[in-house]
Amino acid sequence: DHTKAFLEWKYQLKDIEVQKLTYNFLTEFEFYLKSKQKCNHNTTIKYL
């Protein structure tokens, strides 16, 4: 659910091809979880 919401928030996408997953995608997802979803560090790491 968090991944789906992140794709819509960051890229305005309903889904993304796995070939397009990058290191930057992960750093942006980490930022999203901490800043928008207010997850603490350890909870963020669990989702990642």
ModelCIF file with pLDDT and N, C-alpha, C, O atoms, coordinates in Angstrom:
data_MODEL
#
_entry.id   MODEL 
#
_entity.id                         1 
_entity.type                       polymer 
_entity.pdbx_number_of_molecules   1 
#
_entity_poly.entity_id                      1 
_entity_poly.type                           'polypeptide(L)' 
_entity_poly.nstd_linkage                   no 
_entity_poly.nstd_monomer                   no 
_entity_poly.pdbx_seq_one_letter_code       DHTKAFLEWKYQLKDIEVQKLTYNFLTEFEFYLKSKQKCNHNTTIKYL 
_entity_poly.pdbx_seq_one_letter_code_can   DHTKAFLEWKYQLKDIEVQKLTYNFLTEFEFYLKSKQKCNHNTTIKYL 
_entity_poly.pdbx_strand_id                 A 
#
loop_
_entity_poly_seq.entity_id 
_entity_poly_seq.num 
_entity_poly_seq.mon_id 
_entity_poly_seq.hetero 
1 1  ASP n 
1 2  HIS n 
1 3  THR n 
1 4  LYS n 
1 5  ALA n 
1 6  PHE n 
1 7  LEU n 
1 8  GLU n 
1 9  TRP n 
1 10 LYS n 
1 11 TYR n 
1 12 GLN n 
1 13 LEU n 
1 14 LYS n 
1 15 ASP n 
1 16 ILE n 
1 17 GLU n 
1 18 VAL n 
1 19 GLN n 
1 20 LYS n 
1 21 LEU n 
1 22 THR n 
1 23 TYR n 
1 24 ASN n 
1 25 PHE n 
1 26 LEU n 
1 27 THR n 
1 28 GLU n 
1 29 PHE n 
1 30 GLU n 
1 31 PHE n 
1 32 TYR n 
1 33 LEU n 
1 34 LYS n 
1 35 SER n 
1 36 LYS n 
1 37 GLN n 
1 38 LYS n 
1 39 CYS n 
1 40 ASN n 
1 41 HIS n 
1 42 ASN n 
1 43 THR n 
1 44 THR n 
1 45 ILE n 
1 46 LYS n 
1 47 TYR n 
1 48 LEU n 
#
_struct_asym.id          A 
_struct_asym.entity_id   1 
#
loop_
_ma_qa_metric.id 
_ma_qa_metric.mode 
_ma_qa_metric.name 
_ma_qa_metric.software_group_id 
_ma_qa_metric.type 
1 global pLDDT . pLDDT 
2 local  pLDDT . pLDDT 
#
_ma_qa_metric_global.metric_id      1 
_ma_qa_metric_global.metric_value   95.42 
_ma_qa_metric_global.model_id       1 
_ma_qa_metric_global.ordinal_id     1 
#
loop_
_ma_qa_metric_local.label_asym_id 
_ma_qa_metric_local.label_comp_id 
_ma_qa_metric_local.label_seq_id 
_ma_qa_metric_local.metric_id 
_ma_qa_metric_local.metric_value 
_ma_qa_metric_local.model_id 
_ma_qa_metric_local.ordinal_id 
A ASP 1  2 97.00 1 1  
A HIS 2  2 97.00 1 2  
A THR 3  2 97.00 1 3  
A LYS 4  2 97.00 1 4  
A ALA 5  2 97.00 1 5  
A PHE 6  2 97.00 1 6  
A LEU 7  2 96.00 1 7  
A GLU 8  2 96.00 1 8  
A TRP 9  2 96.00 1 9  
A LYS 10 2 95.00 1 10 
A TYR 11 2 94.00 1 11 
A GLN 12 2 95.00 1 12 
A LEU 13 2 93.00 1 13 
A LYS 14 2 95.00 1 14 
A ASP 15 2 94.00 1 15 
A ILE 16 2 94.00 1 16 
A GLU 17 2 92.00 1 17 
A VAL 18 2 93.00 1 18 
A GLN 19 2 90.00 1 19 
A LYS 20 2 92.00 1 20 
A LEU 21 2 95.00 1 21 
A THR 22 2 95.00 1 22 
A TYR 23 2 96.00 1 23 
A ASN 24 2 96.00 1 24 
A PHE 25 2 96.00 1 25 
A LEU 26 2 97.00 1 26 
A THR 27 2 96.00 1 27 
A GLU 28 2 97.00 1 28 
A PHE 29 2 97.00 1 29 
A GLU 30 2 97.00 1 30 
A PHE 31 2 97.00 1 31 
A TYR 32 2 97.00 1 32 
A LEU 33 2 97.00 1 33 
A LYS 34 2 96.00 1 34 
A SER 35 2 96.00 1 35 
A LYS 36 2 95.00 1 36 
A GLN 37 2 95.00 1 37 
A LYS 38 2 95.00 1 38 
A CYS 39 2 95.00 1 39 
A ASN 40 2 93.00 1 40 
A HIS 41 2 95.00 1 41 
A ASN 42 2 93.00 1 42 
A THR 43 2 95.00 1 43 
A THR 44 2 96.00 1 44 
A ILE 45 2 96.00 1 45 
A LYS 46 2 96.00 1 46 
A TYR 47 2 97.00 1 47 
A LEU 48 2 97.00 1 48 
#
loop_
_atom_site.group_PDB 
_atom_site.id 
_atom_site.type_symbol 
_atom_site.label_atom_id 
_atom_site.label_alt_id 
_atom_site.label_comp_id 
_atom_site.label_asym_id 
_atom_site.label_entity_id 
_atom_site.label_seq_id 
_atom_site.pdbx_PDB_ins_code 
_atom_site.Cartn_x 
_atom_site.Cartn_y 
_atom_site.Cartn_z 
_atom_site.occupancy 
_atom_site.B_iso_or_equiv 
_atom_site.pdbx_formal_charge 
_atom_site.auth_seq_id 
_atom_site.auth_comp_id 
_atom_site.auth_asym_id 
_atom_site.auth_atom_id 
_atom_site.pdbx_PDB_model_num 
ATOM 1   N N  . ASP A 1 1  ? 0.833  -1.210 0.000   1.00 97.00 ? 1  ASP A N  1 
ATOM 2   C CA . ASP A 1 1  ? 0.000  0.000  0.000   1.00 97.00 ? 1  ASP A CA 1 
ATOM 3   C C  . ASP A 1 1  ? 0.868  1.261  0.000   1.00 97.00 ? 1  ASP A C  1 
ATOM 4   O O  . ASP A 1 1  ? 0.566  2.225  -0.704  1.00 97.00 ? 1  ASP A O  1 
ATOM 5   N N  . HIS A 1 2  ? 1.945  1.253  0.789   1.00 97.00 ? 2  HIS A N  1 
ATOM 6   C CA . HIS A 1 2  ? 2.856  2.408  0.824   1.00 97.00 ? 2  HIS A CA 1 
ATOM 7   C C  . HIS A 1 2  ? 3.546  2.597  -0.534  1.00 97.00 ? 2  HIS A C  1 
ATOM 8   O O  . HIS A 1 2  ? 3.718  3.724  -1.000  1.00 97.00 ? 2  HIS A O  1 
ATOM 9   N N  . THR A 1 3  ? 3.936  1.488  -1.157  1.00 97.00 ? 3  THR A N  1 
ATOM 10  C CA . THR A 1 3  ? 4.604  1.554  -2.464  1.00 97.00 ? 3  THR A CA 1 
ATOM 11  C C  . THR A 1 3  ? 3.669  2.119  -3.520  1.00 97.00 ? 3  THR A C  1 
ATOM 12  O O  . THR A 1 3  ? 4.066  2.949  -4.337  1.00 97.00 ? 3  THR A O  1 
ATOM 13  N N  . LYS A 1 4  ? 2.434  1.666  -3.495  1.00 97.00 ? 4  LYS A N  1 
ATOM 14  C CA . LYS A 1 4  ? 1.425  2.152  -4.447  1.00 97.00 ? 4  LYS A CA 1 
ATOM 15  C C  . LYS A 1 4  ? 1.185  3.648  -4.265  1.00 97.00 ? 4  LYS A C  1 
ATOM 16  O O  . LYS A 1 4  ? 1.130  4.398  -5.239  1.00 97.00 ? 4  LYS A O  1 
ATOM 17  N N  . ALA A 1 5  ? 1.042  4.076  -3.011  1.00 97.00 ? 5  ALA A N  1 
ATOM 18  C CA . ALA A 1 5  ? 0.807  5.495  -2.721  1.00 97.00 ? 5  ALA A CA 1 
ATOM 19  C C  . ALA A 1 5  ? 2.011  6.340  -3.125  1.00 97.00 ? 5  ALA A C  1 
ATOM 20  O O  . ALA A 1 5  ? 1.859  7.463  -3.606  1.00 97.00 ? 5  ALA A O  1 
ATOM 21  N N  . PHE A 1 6  ? 3.214  5.789  -2.924  1.00 97.00 ? 6  PHE A N  1 
ATOM 22  C CA . PHE A 1 6  ? 4.446  6.513  -3.299  1.00 97.00 ? 6  PHE A CA 1 
ATOM 23  C C  . PHE A 1 6  ? 4.520  6.736  -4.807  1.00 97.00 ? 6  PHE A C  1 
ATOM 24  O O  . PHE A 1 6  ? 4.880  7.825  -5.253  1.00 97.00 ? 6  PHE A O  1 
ATOM 25  N N  . LEU A 1 7  ? 4.185  5.722  -5.591  1.00 96.00 ? 7  LEU A N  1 
ATOM 26  C CA . LEU A 1 7  ? 4.229  5.843  -7.056  1.00 96.00 ? 7  LEU A CA 1 
ATOM 27  C C  . LEU A 1 7  ? 3.284  6.939  -7.540  1.00 96.00 ? 7  LEU A C  1 
ATOM 28  O O  . LEU A 1 7  ? 3.614  7.692  -8.457  1.00 96.00 ? 7  LEU A O  1 
ATOM 29  N N  . GLU A 1 8  ? 2.131  7.023  -6.931  1.00 96.00 ? 8  GLU A N  1 
ATOM 30  C CA . GLU A 1 8  ? 1.162  8.057  -7.320  1.00 96.00 ? 8  GLU A CA 1 
ATOM 31  C C  . GLU A 1 8  ? 1.626  9.441  -6.862  1.00 96.00 ? 8  GLU A C  1 
ATOM 32  O O  . GLU A 1 8  ? 1.439  10.428 -7.574  1.00 96.00 ? 8  GLU A O  1 
ATOM 33  N N  . TRP A 1 9  ? 2.238  9.511  -5.661  1.00 96.00 ? 9  TRP A N  1 
ATOM 34  C CA . TRP A 1 9  ? 2.693  10.792 -5.105  1.00 96.00 ? 9  TRP A CA 1 
ATOM 35  C C  . TRP A 1 9  ? 3.907  11.342 -5.855  1.00 96.00 ? 9  TRP A C  1 
ATOM 36  O O  . TRP A 1 9  ? 3.963  12.530 -6.172  1.00 96.00 ? 9  TRP A O  1 
ATOM 37  N N  . LYS A 1 10 ? 4.870  10.475 -6.133  1.00 95.00 ? 10 LYS A N  1 
ATOM 38  C CA . LYS A 1 10 ? 6.134  10.926 -6.723  1.00 95.00 ? 10 LYS A CA 1 
ATOM 39  C C  . LYS A 1 10 ? 6.099  10.978 -8.248  1.00 95.00 ? 10 LYS A C  1 
ATOM 40  O O  . LYS A 1 10 ? 6.575  11.941 -8.849  1.00 95.00 ? 10 LYS A O  1 
ATOM 41  N N  . TYR A 1 11 ? 5.539  9.946  -8.872  1.00 94.00 ? 11 TYR A N  1 
ATOM 42  C CA . TYR A 1 11 ? 5.631  9.830  -10.331 1.00 94.00 ? 11 TYR A CA 1 
ATOM 43  C C  . TYR A 1 11 ? 4.279  9.920  -11.040 1.00 94.00 ? 11 TYR A C  1 
ATOM 44  O O  . TYR A 1 11 ? 4.223  9.872  -12.269 1.00 94.00 ? 11 TYR A O  1 
ATOM 45  N N  . GLN A 1 12 ? 3.190  10.050 -10.278 1.00 95.00 ? 12 GLN A N  1 
ATOM 46  C CA . GLN A 1 12 ? 1.846  10.045 -10.843 1.00 95.00 ? 12 GLN A CA 1 
ATOM 47  C C  . GLN A 1 12 ? 1.615  8.798  -11.700 1.00 95.00 ? 12 GLN A C  1 
ATOM 48  O O  . GLN A 1 12 ? 1.049  8.874  -12.790 1.00 95.00 ? 12 GLN A O  1 
ATOM 49  N N  . LEU A 1 13 ? 2.062  7.656  -11.187 1.00 93.00 ? 13 LEU A N  1 
ATOM 50  C CA . LEU A 1 13 ? 1.940  6.381  -11.888 1.00 93.00 ? 13 LEU A CA 1 
ATOM 51  C C  . LEU A 1 13 ? 1.095  5.403  -11.085 1.00 93.00 ? 13 LEU A C  1 
ATOM 52  O O  . LEU A 1 13 ? 1.075  5.450  -9.856  1.00 93.00 ? 13 LEU A O  1 
ATOM 53  N N  . LYS A 1 14 ? 0.394  4.515  -11.793 1.00 95.00 ? 14 LYS A N  1 
ATOM 54  C CA . LYS A 1 14 ? -0.361 3.449  -11.142 1.00 95.00 ? 14 LYS A CA 1 
ATOM 55  C C  . LYS A 1 14 ? 0.530  2.242  -10.868 1.00 95.00 ? 14 LYS A C  1 
ATOM 56  O O  . LYS A 1 14 ? 0.234  1.422  -9.999  1.00 95.00 ? 14 LYS A O  1 
ATOM 57  N N  . ASP A 1 15 ? 1.626  2.145  -11.624 1.00 94.00 ? 15 ASP A N  1 
ATOM 58  C CA . ASP A 1 15 ? 2.589  1.047  -11.460 1.00 94.00 ? 15 ASP A CA 1 
ATOM 59  C C  . ASP A 1 15 ? 3.871  1.437  -12.179 1.00 94.00 ? 15 ASP A C  1 
ATOM 60  O O  . ASP A 1 15 ? 3.913  2.467  -12.852 1.00 94.00 ? 15 ASP A O  1 
ATOM 61  N N  . ILE A 1 16 ? 4.915  0.630  -12.044 1.00 94.00 ? 16 ILE A N  1 
ATOM 62  C CA . ILE A 1 16 ? 6.188  0.939  -12.691 1.00 94.00 ? 16 ILE A CA 1 
ATOM 63  C C  . ILE A 1 16 ? 6.859  -0.355 -13.128 1.00 94.00 ? 16 ILE A C  1 
ATOM 64  O O  . ILE A 1 16 ? 6.795  -1.359 -12.420 1.00 94.00 ? 16 ILE A O  1 
ATOM 65  N N  . GLU A 1 17 ? 7.503  -0.335 -14.293 1.00 92.00 ? 17 GLU A N  1 
ATOM 66  C CA . GLU A 1 17 ? 8.220  -1.511 -14.773 1.00 92.00 ? 17 GLU A CA 1 
ATOM 67  C C  . GLU A 1 17 ? 9.390  -1.799 -13.837 1.00 92.00 ? 17 GLU A C  1 
ATOM 68  O O  . GLU A 1 17 ? 10.083 -0.884 -13.394 1.00 92.00 ? 17 GLU A O  1 
ATOM 69  N N  . VAL A 1 18 ? 9.600  -3.077 -13.542 1.00 93.00 ? 18 VAL A N  1 
ATOM 70  C CA . VAL A 1 18 ? 10.679 -3.435 -12.611 1.00 93.00 ? 18 VAL A CA 1 
ATOM 71  C C  . VAL A 1 18 ? 12.045 -3.020 -13.159 1.00 93.00 ? 18 VAL A C  1 
ATOM 72  O O  . VAL A 1 18 ? 12.964 -2.748 -12.386 1.00 93.00 ? 18 VAL A O  1 
ATOM 73  N N  . GLN A 1 19 ? 12.185 -2.970 -14.488 1.00 90.00 ? 19 GLN A N  1 
ATOM 74  C CA . GLN A 1 19 ? 13.460 -2.578 -15.094 1.00 90.00 ? 19 GLN A CA 1 
ATOM 75  C C  . GLN A 1 19 ? 13.824 -1.128 -14.790 1.00 90.00 ? 19 GLN A C  1 
ATOM 76  O O  . GLN A 1 19 ? 14.985 -0.737 -14.911 1.00 90.00 ? 19 GLN A O  1 
ATOM 77  N N  . LYS A 1 20 ? 12.838 -0.336 -14.397 1.00 92.00 ? 20 LYS A N  1 
ATOM 78  C CA . LYS A 1 20 ? 13.081 1.086  -14.143 1.00 92.00 ? 20 LYS A CA 1 
ATOM 79  C C  . LYS A 1 20 ? 13.387 1.387  -12.678 1.00 92.00 ? 20 LYS A C  1 
ATOM 80  O O  . LYS A 1 20 ? 13.542 2.549  -12.305 1.00 92.00 ? 20 LYS A O  1 
ATOM 81  N N  . LEU A 1 21 ? 13.475 0.346  -11.847 1.00 95.00 ? 21 LEU A N  1 
ATOM 82  C CA . LEU A 1 21 ? 13.812 0.546  -10.442 1.00 95.00 ? 21 LEU A CA 1 
ATOM 83  C C  . LEU A 1 21 ? 15.286 0.913  -10.308 1.00 95.00 ? 21 LEU A C  1 
ATOM 84  O O  . LEU A 1 21 ? 16.151 0.232  -10.858 1.00 95.00 ? 21 LEU A O  1 
ATOM 85  N N  . THR A 1 22 ? 15.564 1.970  -9.592  1.00 95.00 ? 22 THR A N  1 
ATOM 86  C CA . THR A 1 22 ? 16.934 2.460  -9.451  1.00 95.00 ? 22 THR A CA 1 
ATOM 87  C C  . THR A 1 22 ? 17.243 2.766  -7.983  1.00 95.00 ? 22 THR A C  1 
ATOM 88  O O  . THR A 1 22 ? 16.368 2.725  -7.119  1.00 95.00 ? 22 THR A O  1 
ATOM 89  N N  . TYR A 1 23 ? 18.491 3.068  -7.741  1.00 96.00 ? 23 TYR A N  1 
ATOM 90  C CA . TYR A 1 23 ? 18.937 3.481  -6.407  1.00 96.00 ? 23 TYR A CA 1 
ATOM 91  C C  . TYR A 1 23 ? 18.195 4.744  -5.984  1.00 96.00 ? 23 TYR A C  1 
ATOM 92  O O  . TYR A 1 23 ? 17.802 4.884  -4.826  1.00 96.00 ? 23 TYR A O  1 
ATOM 93  N N  . ASN A 1 24 ? 18.009 5.653  -6.921  1.00 96.00 ? 24 ASN A N  1 
ATOM 94  C CA . ASN A 1 24 ? 17.300 6.897  -6.633  1.00 96.00 ? 24 ASN A CA 1 
ATOM 95  C C  . ASN A 1 24 ? 15.849 6.637  -6.237  1.00 96.00 ? 24 ASN A C  1 
ATOM 96  O O  . ASN A 1 24 ? 15.301 7.335  -5.384  1.00 96.00 ? 24 ASN A O  1 
ATOM 97  N N  . PHE A 1 25 ? 15.232 5.640  -6.853  1.00 96.00 ? 25 PHE A N  1 
ATOM 98  C CA . PHE A 1 25 ? 13.863 5.252  -6.499  1.00 96.00 ? 25 PHE A CA 1 
ATOM 99  C C  . PHE A 1 25 ? 13.781 4.901  -5.020  1.00 96.00 ? 25 PHE A C  1 
ATOM 100 O O  . PHE A 1 25 ? 12.833 5.285  -4.335  1.00 96.00 ? 25 PHE A O  1 
ATOM 101 N N  . LEU A 1 26 ? 14.782 4.168  -4.527  1.00 97.00 ? 26 LEU A N  1 
ATOM 102 C CA . LEU A 1 26 ? 14.795 3.738  -3.125  1.00 97.00 ? 26 LEU A CA 1 
ATOM 103 C C  . LEU A 1 26 ? 15.014 4.910  -2.177  1.00 97.00 ? 26 LEU A C  1 
ATOM 104 O O  . LEU A 1 26 ? 14.362 4.992  -1.137  1.00 97.00 ? 26 LEU A O  1 
ATOM 105 N N  . THR A 1 27 ? 15.924 5.820  -2.524  1.00 96.00 ? 27 THR A N  1 
ATOM 106 C CA . THR A 1 27 ? 16.169 6.975  -1.651  1.00 96.00 ? 27 THR A CA 1 
ATOM 107 C C  . THR A 1 27 ? 14.938 7.873  -1.574  1.00 96.00 ? 27 THR A C  1 
ATOM 108 O O  . THR A 1 27 ? 14.637 8.437  -0.522  1.00 96.00 ? 27 THR A O  1 
ATOM 109 N N  . GLU A 1 28 ? 14.227 8.000  -2.699  1.00 97.00 ? 28 GLU A N  1 
ATOM 110 C CA . GLU A 1 28 ? 13.009 8.802  -2.710  1.00 97.00 ? 28 GLU A CA 1 
ATOM 111 C C  . GLU A 1 28 ? 11.895 8.120  -1.903  1.00 97.00 ? 28 GLU A C  1 
ATOM 112 O O  . GLU A 1 28 ? 11.112 8.784  -1.224  1.00 97.00 ? 28 GLU A O  1 
ATOM 113 N N  . PHE A 1 29 ? 11.840 6.801  -1.987  1.00 97.00 ? 29 PHE A N  1 
ATOM 114 C CA . PHE A 1 29 ? 10.848 6.040  -1.231  1.00 97.00 ? 29 PHE A CA 1 
ATOM 115 C C  . PHE A 1 29 ? 11.127 6.152  0.273   1.00 97.00 ? 29 PHE A C  1 
ATOM 116 O O  . PHE A 1 29 ? 10.205 6.297  1.076   1.00 97.00 ? 29 PHE A O  1 
ATOM 117 N N  . GLU A 1 30 ? 12.398 6.083  0.636   1.00 97.00 ? 30 GLU A N  1 
ATOM 118 C CA . GLU A 1 30 ? 12.784 6.240  2.040   1.00 97.00 ? 30 GLU A CA 1 
ATOM 119 C C  . GLU A 1 30 ? 12.377 7.622  2.550   1.00 97.00 ? 30 GLU A C  1 
ATOM 120 O O  . GLU A 1 30 ? 11.847 7.754  3.654   1.00 97.00 ? 30 GLU A O  1 
ATOM 121 N N  . PHE A 1 31 ? 12.628 8.647  1.740   1.00 97.00 ? 31 PHE A N  1 
ATOM 122 C CA . PHE A 1 31 ? 12.239 10.016 2.103   1.00 97.00 ? 31 PHE A CA 1 
ATOM 123 C C  . PHE A 1 31 ? 10.725 10.125 2.272   1.00 97.00 ? 31 PHE A C  1 
ATOM 124 O O  . PHE A 1 31 ? 10.243 10.756 3.212   1.00 97.00 ? 31 PHE A O  1 
ATOM 125 N N  . TYR A 1 32 ? 9.986  9.512  1.365   1.00 97.00 ? 32 TYR A N  1 
ATOM 126 C CA . TYR A 1 32 ? 8.528  9.547  1.404   1.00 97.00 ? 32 TYR A CA 1 
ATOM 127 C C  . TYR A 1 32 ? 7.996  8.912  2.686   1.00 97.00 ? 32 TYR A C  1 
ATOM 128 O O  . TYR A 1 32 ? 7.108  9.467  3.333   1.00 97.00 ? 32 TYR A O  1 
ATOM 129 N N  . LEU A 1 33 ? 8.532  7.759  3.051   1.00 97.00 ? 33 LEU A N  1 
ATOM 130 C CA . LEU A 1 33 ? 8.062  7.057  4.245   1.00 97.00 ? 33 LEU A CA 1 
ATOM 131 C C  . LEU A 1 33 ? 8.296  7.876  5.512   1.00 97.00 ? 33 LEU A C  1 
ATOM 132 O O  . LEU A 1 33 ? 7.453  7.906  6.409   1.00 97.00 ? 33 LEU A O  1 
ATOM 133 N N  . LYS A 1 34 ? 9.450  8.538  5.573   1.00 96.00 ? 34 LYS A N  1 
ATOM 134 C CA . LYS A 1 34 ? 9.793  9.302  6.772   1.00 96.00 ? 34 LYS A CA 1 
ATOM 135 C C  . LYS A 1 34 ? 9.078  10.655 6.822   1.00 96.00 ? 34 LYS A C  1 
ATOM 136 O O  . LYS A 1 34 ? 8.628  11.088 7.883   1.00 96.00 ? 34 LYS A O  1 
ATOM 137 N N  . SER A 1 35 ? 8.979  11.314 5.672   1.00 96.00 ? 35 SER A N  1 
ATOM 138 C CA . SER A 1 35 ? 8.429  12.677 5.661   1.00 96.00 ? 35 SER A CA 1 
ATOM 139 C C  . SER A 1 35 ? 6.916  12.714 5.517   1.00 96.00 ? 35 SER A C  1 
ATOM 140 O O  . SER A 1 35 ? 6.249  13.491 6.199   1.00 96.00 ? 35 SER A O  1 
ATOM 141 N N  . LYS A 1 36 ? 6.366  11.882 4.636   1.00 95.00 ? 36 LYS A N  1 
ATOM 142 C CA . LYS A 1 36 ? 4.929  11.933 4.362   1.00 95.00 ? 36 LYS A CA 1 
ATOM 143 C C  . LYS A 1 36 ? 4.125  10.951 5.224   1.00 95.00 ? 36 LYS A C  1 
ATOM 144 O O  . LYS A 1 36 ? 3.024  11.263 5.679   1.00 95.00 ? 36 LYS A O  1 
ATOM 145 N N  . GLN A 1 37 ? 4.700  9.758  5.439   1.00 95.00 ? 37 GLN A N  1 
ATOM 146 C CA . GLN A 1 37 ? 3.992  8.754  6.249   1.00 95.00 ? 37 GLN A CA 1 
ATOM 147 C C  . GLN A 1 37 ? 4.391  8.813  7.726   1.00 95.00 ? 37 GLN A C  1 
ATOM 148 O O  . GLN A 1 37 ? 3.821  8.105  8.555   1.00 95.00 ? 37 GLN A O  1 
ATOM 149 N N  . LYS A 1 38 ? 5.375  9.663  8.050   1.00 95.00 ? 38 LYS A N  1 
ATOM 150 C CA . LYS A 1 38 ? 5.824  9.866  9.436   1.00 95.00 ? 38 LYS A CA 1 
ATOM 151 C C  . LYS A 1 38 ? 6.295  8.567  10.097  1.00 95.00 ? 38 LYS A C  1 
ATOM 152 O O  . LYS A 1 38 ? 6.089  8.363  11.293  1.00 95.00 ? 38 LYS A O  1 
ATOM 153 N N  . CYS A 1 39 ? 6.927  7.692  9.311   1.00 95.00 ? 39 CYS A N  1 
ATOM 154 C CA . CYS A 1 39 ? 7.478  6.450  9.862   1.00 95.00 ? 39 CYS A CA 1 
ATOM 155 C C  . CYS A 1 39 ? 8.821  6.744  10.527  1.00 95.00 ? 39 CYS A C  1 
ATOM 156 O O  . CYS A 1 39 ? 9.597  7.552  10.018  1.00 95.00 ? 39 CYS A O  1 
ATOM 157 N N  . ASN A 1 40 ? 9.101  6.099  11.656  1.00 93.00 ? 40 ASN A N  1 
ATOM 158 C CA . ASN A 1 40 ? 10.420 6.270  12.255  1.00 93.00 ? 40 ASN A CA 1 
ATOM 159 C C  . ASN A 1 40 ? 11.450 5.489  11.449  1.00 93.00 ? 40 ASN A C  1 
ATOM 160 O O  . ASN A 1 40 ? 11.098 4.768  10.515  1.00 93.00 ? 40 ASN A O  1 
ATOM 161 N N  . HIS A 1 41 ? 12.710 5.631  11.808  1.00 95.00 ? 41 HIS A N  1 
ATOM 162 C CA . HIS A 1 41 ? 13.785 5.049  11.000  1.00 95.00 ? 41 HIS A CA 1 
ATOM 163 C C  . HIS A 1 41 ? 13.659 3.535  10.881  1.00 95.00 ? 41 HIS A C  1 
ATOM 164 O O  . HIS A 1 41 ? 13.725 2.991  9.779   1.00 95.00 ? 41 HIS A O  1 
ATOM 165 N N  . ASN A 1 42 ? 13.478 2.849  12.013  1.00 93.00 ? 42 ASN A N  1 
ATOM 166 C CA . ASN A 1 42 ? 13.440 1.386  11.989  1.00 93.00 ? 42 ASN A CA 1 
ATOM 167 C C  . ASN A 1 42 ? 12.226 0.850  11.248  1.00 93.00 ? 42 ASN A C  1 
ATOM 168 O O  . ASN A 1 42 ? 12.319 -0.172 10.567  1.00 93.00 ? 42 ASN A O  1 
ATOM 169 N N  . THR A 1 43 ? 11.091 1.525  11.370  1.00 95.00 ? 43 THR A N  1 
ATOM 170 C CA . THR A 1 43 ? 9.892  1.109  10.631  1.00 95.00 ? 43 THR A CA 1 
ATOM 171 C C  . THR A 1 43 ? 10.115 1.285  9.131   1.00 95.00 ? 43 THR A C  1 
ATOM 172 O O  . THR A 1 43 ? 9.706  0.445  8.330   1.00 95.00 ? 43 THR A O  1 
ATOM 173 N N  . THR A 1 44 ? 10.762 2.379  8.763   1.00 96.00 ? 44 THR A N  1 
ATOM 174 C CA . THR A 1 44 ? 11.088 2.619  7.351   1.00 96.00 ? 44 THR A CA 1 
ATOM 175 C C  . THR A 1 44 ? 11.971 1.506  6.805   1.00 96.00 ? 44 THR A C  1 
ATOM 176 O O  . THR A 1 44 ? 11.748 1.015  5.698   1.00 96.00 ? 44 THR A O  1 
ATOM 177 N N  . ILE A 1 45 ? 12.972 1.110  7.582   1.00 96.00 ? 45 ILE A N  1 
ATOM 178 C CA . ILE A 1 45 ? 13.881 0.044  7.148   1.00 96.00 ? 45 ILE A CA 1 
ATOM 179 C C  . ILE A 1 45 ? 13.128 -1.272 6.990   1.00 96.00 ? 45 ILE A C  1 
ATOM 180 O O  . ILE A 1 45 ? 13.433 -2.048 6.084   1.00 96.00 ? 45 ILE A O  1 
ATOM 181 N N  . LYS A 1 46 ? 12.154 -1.535 7.850   1.00 96.00 ? 46 LYS A N  1 
ATOM 182 C CA . LYS A 1 46 ? 11.366 -2.763 7.731   1.00 96.00 ? 46 LYS A CA 1 
ATOM 183 C C  . LYS A 1 46 ? 10.586 -2.781 6.408   1.00 96.00 ? 46 LYS A C  1 
ATOM 184 O O  . LYS A 1 46 ? 10.528 -3.808 5.731   1.00 96.00 ? 46 LYS A O  1 
ATOM 185 N N  . TYR A 1 47 ? 9.992  -1.642 6.047   1.00 97.00 ? 47 TYR A N  1 
ATOM 186 C CA . TYR A 1 47 ? 9.254  -1.574 4.783   1.00 97.00 ? 47 TYR A CA 1 
ATOM 187 C C  . TYR A 1 47 ? 10.204 -1.749 3.590   1.00 97.00 ? 47 TYR A C  1 
ATOM 188 O O  . TYR A 1 47 ? 9.875  -2.430 2.619   1.00 97.00 ? 47 TYR A O  1 
ATOM 189 N N  . LEU A 1 48 ? 11.365 -1.135 3.676   1.00 97.00 ? 48 LEU A N  1 
ATOM 190 C CA . LEU A 1 48 ? 12.348 -1.273 2.599   1.00 97.00 ? 48 LEU A CA 1 
ATOM 191 C C  . LEU A 1 48 ? 12.855 -2.713 2.495   1.00 97.00 ? 48 LEU A C  1 
ATOM 192 O O  . LEU A 1 48 ? 13.689 -3.013 1.641   1.00 97.00 ? 48 LEU A O  1 
#
